[in-house]
C-alpha atoms as a PDB file:
ATOM      1  CA  UNK A   1      75.628  68.988 174.125  1.00  0.00           C
ATOM      2  CA  UNK A   2      79.374  68.173 174.609  1.00  0.00           C
ATOM      3  CA  UNK A   3      81.575  68.821 171.855  1.00  0.00           C
ATOM      4  CA  UNK A   4      82.723  66.048 169.512  1.00  0.00           C
ATOM      5  CA  UNK A   5      86.287  67.070 170.160  1.00  0.00           C
ATOM      6  CA  UNK A   6      86.222  66.192 173.814  1.00  0.00           C
ATOM      7  CA  UNK A   7      84.420  63.053 173.159  1.00  0.00           C
ATOM      8  CA  UNK A   8      87.186  61.924 170.383  1.00  0.00           C
ATOM      9  CA  UNK A   9      89.930  62.595 172.867  1.00  0.00           C
ATOM     10  CA  UNK A  10      88.408  60.163 175.336  1.00  0.00           C
ATOM     11  CA  UNK A  11      87.384  57.412 172.967  1.00  0.00           C
ATOM     12  CA  UNK A  12      90.665  57.832 171.064  1.00  0.00           C
ATOM     13  CA  UNK A  13      92.224  55.585 173.874  1.00  0.00           C
ATOM     14  CA  UNK A  14      89.653  52.662 173.837  1.00  0.00           C
ATOM     15  CA  UNK A  15      91.033  49.293 173.700  1.00  0.00           C
ATOM     16  CA  UNK A  16      90.464  47.118 170.800  1.00  0.00           C
ATOM     17  CA  UNK A  17      88.258  43.978 170.906  1.00  0.00           C
ATOM     18  CA  UNK A  18      90.206  40.776 171.483  1.00  0.00           C
ATOM     19  CA  UNK A  19      91.231  38.708 168.429  1.00  0.00           C
ATOM     20  CA  UNK A  20      88.263  36.898 166.701  1.00  0.00           C
ATOM     21  CA  UNK A  21      85.526  38.747 168.631  1.00  0.00           C
ATOM     22  CA  UNK A  22      82.885  40.772 166.778  1.00  0.00           C
ATOM     23  CA  UNK A  23      80.830  43.521 168.121  1.00  0.00           C
ATOM     24  CA  UNK A  24      77.345  42.357 168.646  1.00  0.00           C
ATOM     25  CA  UNK A  25      74.660  43.242 165.981  1.00  0.00           C
ATOM     26  CA  UNK A  26      71.743  45.454 167.020  1.00  0.00           C
ATOM     27  CA  UNK A  27      69.700  48.082 165.513  1.00  0.00           C
ATOM     28  CA  UNK A  28      71.861  51.350 165.772  1.00  0.00           C
ATOM     29  CA  UNK A  29      69.265  52.904 167.986  1.00  0.00           C
ATOM     30  CA  UNK A  30      66.382  51.752 169.854  1.00  0.00           C
ATOM     31  CA  UNK A  31      63.569  54.303 170.727  1.00  0.00           C
ATOM     32  CA  UNK A  32      61.121  54.358 173.627  1.00  0.00           C
ATOM     33  CA  UNK A  33      58.206  56.974 173.762  1.00  0.00           C
ATOM     34  CA  UNK A  34      55.828  57.664 176.521  1.00  0.00           C
ATOM     35  CA  UNK A  35      53.724  60.562 177.350  1.00  0.00           C
ATOM     36  CA  UNK A  36      55.826  63.698 177.164  1.00  0.00           C
ATOM     37  CA  UNK A  37      59.069  61.730 176.920  1.00  0.00           C
ATOM     38  CA  UNK A  38      61.358  60.098 174.292  1.00  0.00           C
ATOM     39  CA  UNK A  39      64.426  57.902 175.065  1.00  0.00           C
ATOM     40  CA  UNK A  40      66.852  57.201 172.333  1.00  0.00           C
ATOM     41  CA  UNK A  41      70.027  54.985 172.778  1.00  0.00           C
ATOM     42  CA  UNK A  42      72.606  52.659 171.221  1.00  0.00           C
ATOM     43  CA  UNK A  43      72.324  50.020 173.877  1.00  0.00           C
ATOM     44  CA  UNK A  44      75.811  48.580 173.130  1.00  0.00           C
ATOM     45  CA  UNK A  45      78.221  51.696 172.881  1.00  0.00           C
ATOM     46  CA  UNK A  46      78.757  55.492 173.507  1.00  0.00           C
ATOM     47  CA  UNK A  47      76.913  57.679 171.169  1.00  0.00           C
ATOM     48  CA  UNK A  48      76.478  61.495 170.879  1.00  0.00           C
ATOM     49  CA  UNK A  49      73.003  60.968 169.638  1.00  0.00           C
ATOM     50  CA  UNK A  50      71.778  59.263 172.769  1.00  0.00           C
ATOM     51  CA  UNK A  51      69.214  61.470 174.261  1.00  0.00           C
ATOM     52  CA  UNK A  52      66.148  61.682 176.823  1.00  0.00           C
ATOM     53  CA  UNK A  53      63.845  64.354 175.771  1.00  0.00           C
ATOM     54  CA  UNK A  54      61.179  65.460 178.339  1.00  0.00           C
ATOM     55  CA  UNK A  55      58.562  67.986 176.846  1.00  0.00           C
ATOM     56  CA  UNK A  56      61.164  68.459 174.033  1.00  0.00           C
ATOM     57  CA  UNK A  57      64.009  69.618 176.208  1.00  0.00           C
ATOM     58  CA  UNK A  58      67.185  67.230 176.410  1.00  0.00           C
ATOM     59  CA  UNK A  59      68.023  65.947 179.844  1.00  0.00           C
ATOM     60  CA  UNK A  60      70.640  63.214 179.282  1.00  0.00           C
ATOM     61  CA  UNK A  61      74.173  62.826 177.520  1.00  0.00           C
ATOM     62  CA  UNK A  62      74.949  59.283 177.971  1.00  0.00           C
ATOM     63  CA  UNK A  63      73.879  56.134 180.072  1.00  0.00           C
ATOM     64  CA  UNK A  64      76.125  53.044 179.832  1.00  0.00           C
ATOM     65  CA  UNK A  65      76.975  49.619 181.418  1.00  0.00           C
ATOM     66  CA  UNK A  66      80.256  48.069 182.000  1.00  0.00           C
ATOM     67  CA  UNK A  67      81.664  44.735 183.364  1.00  0.00           C
ATOM     68  CA  UNK A  68      84.707  43.362 184.967  1.00  0.00           C
ATOM     69  CA  UNK A  69      85.021  39.667 185.046  1.00  0.00           C
ATOM     70  CA  UNK A  70      87.406  37.373 186.685  1.00  0.00           C
ATOM     71  CA  UNK A  71      89.634  37.509 189.778  1.00  0.00           C
ATOM     72  CA  UNK A  72      92.231  40.306 190.239  1.00  0.00           C
ATOM     73  CA  UNK A  73      95.019  38.659 188.532  1.00  0.00           C
ATOM     74  CA  UNK A  74      92.986  37.678 185.445  1.00  0.00           C
ATOM     75  CA  UNK A  75      90.313  40.400 185.400  1.00  0.00           C
ATOM     76  CA  UNK A  76      89.208  41.794 182.216  1.00  0.00           C
ATOM     77  CA  UNK A  77      86.911  44.712 181.490  1.00  0.00           C
ATOM     78  CA  UNK A  78      83.998  44.562 178.846  1.00  0.00           C
ATOM     79  CA  UNK A  79      81.501  46.830 177.479  1.00  0.00           C
ATOM     80  CA  UNK A  80      78.239  45.639 176.091  1.00  0.00           C
ATOM     81  CA  UNK A  81      79.521  46.167 172.526  1.00  0.00           C
ATOM     82  CA  UNK A  82      82.131  43.303 173.512  1.00  0.00           C
ATOM     83  CA  UNK A  83      79.199  40.824 174.211  1.00  0.00           C
ATOM     84  CA  UNK A  84      77.053  38.506 171.951  1.00  0.00           C
ATOM     85  CA  UNK A  85      73.452  39.553 171.556  1.00  0.00           C
ATOM     86  CA  UNK A  86      71.148  36.467 172.592  1.00  0.00           C
ATOM     87  CA  UNK A  87      67.775  38.309 172.390  1.00  0.00           C
ATOM     88  CA  UNK A  88      66.205  41.728 171.596  1.00  0.00           C
ATOM     89  CA  UNK A  89      62.413  42.534 171.595  1.00  0.00           C
ATOM     90  CA  UNK A  90      60.414  45.675 172.034  1.00  0.00           C
ATOM     91  CA  UNK A  91      56.999  44.462 173.382  1.00  0.00           C
ATOM     92  CA  UNK A  92      55.764  47.950 173.718  1.00  0.00           C
ATOM     93  CA  UNK A  93      56.552  51.469 172.616  1.00  0.00           C
ATOM     94  CA  UNK A  94      57.928  52.336 176.020  1.00  0.00           C
ATOM     95  CA  UNK A  95      59.856  49.003 176.677  1.00  0.00           C
ATOM     96  CA  UNK A  96      62.803  46.990 175.437  1.00  0.00           C
ATOM     97  CA  UNK A  97      64.320  43.797 176.467  1.00  0.00           C
ATOM     98  CA  UNK A  98      67.907  42.616 175.596  1.00  0.00           C
ATOM     99  CA  UNK A  99      69.830  39.635 176.634  1.00  0.00           C
ATOM    100  CA  UNK A 100      73.739  39.275 176.044  1.00  0.00           C
ATOM    101  CA  UNK A 101      76.271  36.573 176.655  1.00  0.00           C
ATOM    102  CA  UNK A 102      79.895  36.991 177.134  1.00  0.00           C
ATOM    103  CA  UNK A 103      82.551  35.038 175.050  1.00  0.00           C
ATOM    104  CA  UNK A 104      84.058  32.310 177.160  1.00  0.00           C
ATOM    105  CA  UNK A 105      83.097  33.831 180.670  1.00  0.00           C
ATOM    106  CA  UNK A 106      79.771  31.991 181.296  1.00  0.00           C
ATOM    107  CA  UNK A 107      77.977  35.084 182.046  1.00  0.00           C
ATOM    108  CA  UNK A 108      74.585  36.414 180.770  1.00  0.00           C
ATOM    109  CA  UNK A 109      73.328  39.988 181.274  1.00  0.00           C
ATOM    110  CA  UNK A 110      69.597  40.577 180.718  1.00  0.00           C
ATOM    111  CA  UNK A 111      68.285  44.253 180.508  1.00  0.00           C
ATOM    112  CA  UNK A 112      64.750  45.399 180.888  1.00  0.00           C
ATOM    113  CA  UNK A 113      64.337  49.051 180.166  1.00  0.00           C
ATOM    114  CA  UNK A 114      60.987  50.795 180.633  1.00  0.00           C
ATOM    115  CA  UNK A 115      60.182  54.487 180.153  1.00  0.00           C
ATOM    116  CA  UNK A 116      57.308  56.177 182.063  1.00  0.00           C
ATOM    117  CA  UNK A 117      56.569  59.546 180.468  1.00  0.00           C
ATOM    118  CA  UNK A 118      54.629  62.161 182.323  1.00  0.00           C
ATOM    119  CA  UNK A 119      51.875  64.472 181.252  1.00  0.00           C
ATOM    120  CA  UNK A 120      52.659  67.028 178.488  1.00  0.00           C
ATOM    121  CA  UNK A 121      53.873  70.329 179.986  1.00  0.00           C
ATOM    122  CA  UNK A 122      54.557  68.555 183.320  1.00  0.00           C
ATOM    123  CA  UNK A 123      58.499  68.397 182.757  1.00  0.00           C
ATOM    124  CA  UNK A 124      59.018  65.157 184.434  1.00  0.00           C
ATOM    125  CA  UNK A 125      59.501  61.623 183.460  1.00  0.00           C
ATOM    126  CA  UNK A 126      60.903  58.381 184.887  1.00  0.00           C
ATOM    127  CA  UNK A 127      62.914  55.417 183.545  1.00  0.00           C
ATOM    128  CA  UNK A 128      63.266  52.042 184.998  1.00  0.00           C
ATOM    129  CA  UNK A 129      65.946  49.420 184.261  1.00  0.00           C
ATOM    130  CA  UNK A 130      66.365  46.061 185.551  1.00  0.00           C
ATOM    131  CA  UNK A 131      69.790  44.279 184.999  1.00  0.00           C
ATOM    132  CA  UNK A 132      70.228  40.560 185.760  1.00  0.00           C
ATOM    133  CA  UNK A 133      73.526  38.989 185.840  1.00  0.00           C
ATOM    134  CA  UNK A 134      73.521  35.111 185.667  1.00  0.00           C
ATOM    135  CA  UNK A 135      76.404  32.640 186.021  1.00  0.00           C
ATOM    136  CA  UNK A 136      75.675  30.131 183.203  1.00  0.00           C
ATOM    137  CA  UNK A 137      79.039  28.061 184.069  1.00  0.00           C
ATOM    138  CA  UNK A 138      80.084  25.299 186.393  1.00  0.00           C
ATOM    139  CA  UNK A 139      82.438  27.505 188.282  1.00  0.00           C
ATOM    140  CA  UNK A 140      82.090  30.432 190.665  1.00  0.00           C
ATOM    141  CA  UNK A 141      82.458  33.769 188.833  1.00  0.00           C
ATOM    142  CA  UNK A 142      83.721  37.050 190.132  1.00  0.00           C
ATOM    143  CA  UNK A 143      81.940  39.913 188.570  1.00  0.00           C
ATOM    144  CA  UNK A 144      81.647  43.722 188.730  1.00  0.00           C
ATOM    145  CA  UNK A 145      78.856  45.705 187.054  1.00  0.00           C
ATOM    146  CA  UNK A 146      79.118  49.435 186.475  1.00  0.00           C
ATOM    147  CA  UNK A 147      76.343  51.733 185.861  1.00  0.00           C
ATOM    148  CA  UNK A 148      77.420  55.065 184.411  1.00  0.00           C
ATOM    149  CA  UNK A 149      75.189  58.239 183.827  1.00  0.00           C
ATOM    150  CA  UNK A 150      75.774  61.547 182.423  1.00  0.00           C
ATOM    151  CA  UNK A 151      72.648  63.897 182.928  1.00  0.00           C
ATOM    152  CA  UNK A 152      72.615  67.075 180.939  1.00  0.00           C
ATOM    153  CA  UNK A 153      69.956  68.996 182.712  1.00  0.00           C
ATOM    154  CA  UNK A 154      69.533  71.707 180.016  1.00  0.00           C
ATOM    155  CA  UNK A 155      66.307  73.094 181.393  1.00  0.00           C
ATOM    156  CA  UNK A 156      68.437  76.319 182.155  1.00  0.00           C
ATOM    157  CA  UNK A 157      70.386  75.714 178.720  1.00  0.00           C
ATOM    158  CA  UNK A 158      73.709  74.972 180.675  1.00  0.00           C
ATOM    159  CA  UNK A 159      75.655  71.740 181.406  1.00  0.00           C
ATOM    160  CA  UNK A 160      78.462  72.870 183.462  1.00  0.00           C
ATOM    161  CA  UNK A 161      76.806  74.280 186.753  1.00  0.00           C
ATOM    162  CA  UNK A 162      75.370  71.298 188.434  1.00  0.00           C
ATOM    163  CA  UNK A 163      75.609  69.880 192.011  1.00  0.00           C
ATOM    164  CA  UNK A 164      75.524  66.182 192.752  1.00  0.00           C
ATOM    165  CA  UNK A 165      75.898  63.880 195.688  1.00  0.00           C
ATOM    166  CA  UNK A 166      75.221  60.087 196.520  1.00  0.00           C
ATOM    167  CA  UNK A 167      73.435  59.016 199.761  1.00  0.00           C
ATOM    168  CA  UNK A 168      71.002  56.599 200.751  1.00  0.00           C
ATOM    169  CA  UNK A 169      71.400  54.435 197.541  1.00  0.00           C
ATOM    170  CA  UNK A 170      70.529  57.497 195.422  1.00  0.00           C
ATOM    171  CA  UNK A 171      72.113  60.019 193.270  1.00  0.00           C
ATOM    172  CA  UNK A 172      70.742  63.514 193.418  1.00  0.00           C
ATOM    173  CA  UNK A 173      71.818  66.166 190.721  1.00  0.00           C
ATOM    174  CA  UNK A 174      70.304  69.600 190.449  1.00  0.00           C
ATOM    175  CA  UNK A 175      71.257  72.774 188.417  1.00  0.00           C
ATOM    176  CA  UNK A 176      70.737  76.612 189.112  1.00  0.00           C
ATOM    177  CA  UNK A 177      67.435  76.554 187.328  1.00  0.00           C
ATOM    178  CA  UNK A 178      65.794  74.067 189.852  1.00  0.00           C
ATOM    179  CA  UNK A 179      65.957  71.119 187.376  1.00  0.00           C
ATOM    180  CA  UNK A 180      66.382  67.745 189.375  1.00  0.00           C
ATOM    181  CA  UNK A 181      67.580  64.391 188.271  1.00  0.00           C
ATOM    182  CA  UNK A 182      67.942  61.264 190.268  1.00  0.00           C
ATOM    183  CA  UNK A 183      69.458  57.702 189.887  1.00  0.00           C
ATOM    184  CA  UNK A 184      68.369  55.313 192.678  1.00  0.00           C
ATOM    185  CA  UNK A 185      69.336  51.546 192.861  1.00  0.00           C
ATOM    186  CA  UNK A 186      67.826  48.930 195.275  1.00  0.00           C
ATOM    187  CA  UNK A 187      71.032  48.022 196.949  1.00  0.00           C
ATOM    188  CA  UNK A 188      74.235  49.652 197.974  1.00  0.00           C
ATOM    189  CA  UNK A 189      76.991  49.984 195.623  1.00  0.00           C
ATOM    190  CA  UNK A 190      80.517  48.582 196.467  1.00  0.00           C
ATOM    191  CA  UNK A 191      81.657  52.182 195.406  1.00  0.00           C
ATOM    192  CA  UNK A 192      80.436  55.416 193.898  1.00  0.00           C
ATOM    193  CA  UNK A 193      82.657  58.038 191.985  1.00  0.00           C
ATOM    194  CA  UNK A 194      81.210  61.465 190.980  1.00  0.00           C
ATOM    195  CA  UNK A 195      83.278  63.737 188.938  1.00  0.00           C
ATOM    196  CA  UNK A 196      83.342  66.096 185.974  1.00  0.00           C
ATOM    197  CA  UNK A 197      82.859  64.660 182.514  1.00  0.00           C
ATOM    198  CA  UNK A 198      85.893  63.210 180.759  1.00  0.00           C
ATOM    199  CA  UNK A 199      88.179  61.326 183.105  1.00  0.00           C
ATOM    200  CA  UNK A 200      85.554  59.018 184.825  1.00  0.00           C
ATOM    201  CA  UNK A 201      84.438  57.792 181.187  1.00  0.00           C
ATOM    202  CA  UNK A 202      87.978  57.448 180.246  1.00  0.00           C
ATOM    203  CA  UNK A 203      88.646  55.229 183.450  1.00  0.00           C
ATOM    204  CA  UNK A 204      85.672  52.899 182.306  1.00  0.00           C
ATOM    205  CA  UNK A 205      86.648  52.810 178.586  1.00  0.00           C
ATOM    206  CA  UNK A 206      90.346  52.093 178.915  1.00  0.00           C
ATOM    207  CA  UNK A 207      92.412  49.122 180.324  1.00  0.00           C
ATOM    208  CA  UNK A 208      93.522  48.088 182.788  1.00  0.00           C
ATOM    209  CA  UNK A 209      90.111  46.971 184.437  1.00  0.00           C
ATOM    210  CA  UNK A 210      88.592  49.616 186.584  1.00  0.00           C
ATOM    211  CA  UNK A 211      87.790  49.911 190.197  1.00  0.00           C
ATOM    212  CA  UNK A 212      86.058  53.027 191.055  1.00  0.00           C
ATOM    213  CA  UNK A 213      87.595  55.537 193.867  1.00  0.00           C
ATOM    214  CA  UNK A 214      84.816  55.873 196.409  1.00  0.00           C
ATOM    215  CA  UNK A 215      84.055  59.653 196.153  1.00  0.00           C
ATOM    216  CA  UNK A 216      80.308  60.132 196.441  1.00  0.00           C
ATOM    217  CA  UNK A 217      80.343  63.984 196.555  1.00  0.00           C
ATOM    218  CA  UNK A 218      79.092  66.395 196.888  1.00  0.00           C
ATOM    219  CA  UNK A 219      80.485  67.916 193.633  1.00  0.00           C
ATOM    220  CA  UNK A 220      79.594  71.464 193.056  1.00  0.00           C
ATOM    221  CA  UNK A 221      79.636  73.580 189.755  1.00  0.00           C
ATOM    222  CA  UNK A 222      80.690  71.130 187.237  1.00  0.00           C
ATOM    223  CA  UNK A 223      79.614  69.180 184.194  1.00  0.00           C
ATOM    224  CA  UNK A 224      78.757  66.199 186.436  1.00  0.00           C
ATOM    225  CA  UNK A 225      78.977  62.391 185.665  1.00  0.00           C
ATOM    226  CA  UNK A 226      78.726  59.471 187.928  1.00  0.00           C
ATOM    227  CA  UNK A 227      79.409  55.897 188.158  1.00  0.00           C
ATOM    228  CA  UNK A 228      78.247  52.948 190.486  1.00  0.00           C
ATOM    229  CA  UNK A 229      80.194  49.692 191.048  1.00  0.00           C
ATOM    230  CA  UNK A 230      78.719  46.539 192.286  1.00  0.00           C
ATOM    231  CA  UNK A 231      81.044  43.644 193.013  1.00  0.00           C
ATOM    232  CA  UNK A 232      79.606  39.992 193.112  1.00  0.00           C
ATOM    233  CA  UNK A 233      80.653  36.425 193.463  1.00  0.00           C
ATOM    234  CA  UNK A 234      78.135  34.156 191.557  1.00  0.00           C
ATOM    235  CA  UNK A 235      77.803  30.603 192.160  1.00  0.00           C
ATOM    236  CA  UNK A 236      76.947  28.373 189.326  1.00  0.00           C
ATOM    237  CA  UNK A 237      73.517  29.115 188.181  1.00  0.00           C
ATOM    238  CA  UNK A 238      73.156  32.092 190.530  1.00  0.00           C
ATOM    239  CA  UNK A 239      71.593  35.340 189.449  1.00  0.00           C
ATOM    240  CA  UNK A 240      72.086  38.890 190.806  1.00  0.00           C
ATOM    241  CA  UNK A 241      69.439  41.383 190.039  1.00  0.00           C
ATOM    242  CA  UNK A 242      69.903  45.290 190.002  1.00  0.00           C
ATOM    243  CA  UNK A 243      66.941  47.564 189.764  1.00  0.00           C
ATOM    244  CA  UNK A 244      67.609  51.217 188.814  1.00  0.00           C
ATOM    245  CA  UNK A 245      65.132  54.138 188.658  1.00  0.00           C
ATOM    246  CA  UNK A 246      66.116  57.419 186.843  1.00  0.00           C
ATOM    247  CA  UNK A 247      63.991  60.455 187.170  1.00  0.00           C
ATOM    248  CA  UNK A 248      64.228  63.849 185.816  1.00  0.00           C
ATOM    249  CA  UNK A 249      62.024  66.948 186.352  1.00  0.00           C
ATOM    250  CA  UNK A 250      62.077  70.697 186.357  1.00  0.00           C
ATOM    251  CA  UNK A 251      60.879  72.052 189.857  1.00  0.00           C
ATOM    252  CA  UNK A 252      58.280  74.772 189.670  1.00  0.00           C
ATOM    253  CA  UNK A 253      59.032  77.798 191.438  1.00  0.00           C
ATOM    254  CA  UNK A 254      56.460  78.909 194.027  1.00  0.00           C
ATOM    255  CA  UNK A 255      55.013  82.296 193.584  1.00  0.00           C
ATOM    256  CA  UNK A 256      55.249  84.524 196.488  1.00  0.00           C
ATOM    257  CA  UNK A 257      51.905  85.157 198.248  1.00  0.00           C
ATOM    258  CA  UNK A 258      51.514  88.907 198.907  1.00  0.00           C
ATOM    259  CA  UNK A 259      51.177  90.155 202.562  1.00  0.00           C
ATOM    260  CA  UNK A 260      47.486  91.335 203.343  1.00  0.00           C
ATOM    261  CA  UNK A 261      48.381  94.817 203.181  1.00  0.00           C
ATOM    262  CA  UNK A 262      50.043  94.515 199.826  1.00  0.00           C
ATOM    263  CA  UNK A 263      46.969  92.733 198.491  1.00  0.00           C
ATOM    264  CA  UNK A 264      44.730  95.418 199.716  1.00  0.00           C
ATOM    265  CA  UNK A 265      46.906  97.956 197.995  1.00  0.00           C
ATOM    266  CA  UNK A 266      47.119  96.133 194.765  1.00  0.00           C
ATOM    267  CA  UNK A 267      43.314  96.034 194.949  1.00  0.00           C
ATOM    268  CA  UNK A 268      42.999  99.674 195.268  1.00  0.00           C
ATOM    269  CA  UNK A 269      45.323 100.144 192.528  1.00  0.00           C
ATOM    270  CA  UNK A 270      43.440  97.951 189.999  1.00  0.00           C
ATOM    271  CA  UNK A 271      40.083  99.603 191.209  1.00  0.00           C
ATOM    272  CA  UNK A 272      41.635 102.929 190.394  1.00  0.00           C
ATOM    273  CA  UNK A 273      42.847 101.862 187.027  1.00  0.00           C
ATOM    274  CA  UNK A 274      39.225 100.473 186.189  1.00  0.00           C
ATOM    275  CA  UNK A 275      37.662 103.776 187.106  1.00  0.00           C
ATOM    276  CA  UNK A 276      40.083 105.623 184.825  1.00  0.00           C
ATOM    277  CA  UNK A 277      39.445 103.398 181.841  1.00  0.00           C
ATOM    278  CA  UNK A 278      35.639 104.266 182.325  1.00  0.00           C
ATOM    279  CA  UNK A 279      36.303 107.851 182.467  1.00  0.00           C
ATOM    280  CA  UNK A 280      38.516 107.799 179.333  1.00  0.00           C
END
């Protein structure tokens, strides 16, 4: 895991909430379980205790959503903790539904998150999230959705030697052990930014309102984070739906098949050892 010191340096620059606005009230953590996988997260805010365990191995550091609302001259940046909770339910052990509304911006954000664990010992799992933005007001609304993710593929017990790139609406991240993580979305982002942990998260957390630099990689040998930006203009009553799929897995290394001559030699050695044991 990343150090608390580095996290504090980033979050120490966080803007305060607007006057009179209270952070939404939710359980501190939600927990989803399925198969070989457990996902634990604070839906509203950054937390070092967020995790995604696959066969007991950590694969995730943080996974967050951010919003920009309004035209360029009046744009304001929001996090989910700035919003009002409308509804929260957990209809199954592997699923949570949440709905949030903005204060005075006439926007509703609905989140449906599903965990699909794999078989024990398979070292793979999937998470599916659907985010729906709805303009509940009477005027057109400019809105940007940001999806931020920081995989920590600790299959090799290291978090600073990953490689990542974004192509074909999908982020692919690998490490030297052969571990693989992806983040796919059903539509093209306005911008994708990949970079080392720290600066990118600070951009999203701190004013002024953020627009990502389009730098989809590849990024090599770094503690990688990524953010996707989606710009939309919603008519009154209109919704925009985003479907994200996140996967993690440890790739099995294929065993070399010996050449025929090698296999014959190994067989001869094995027969000789068996004969030696009988004589002893």
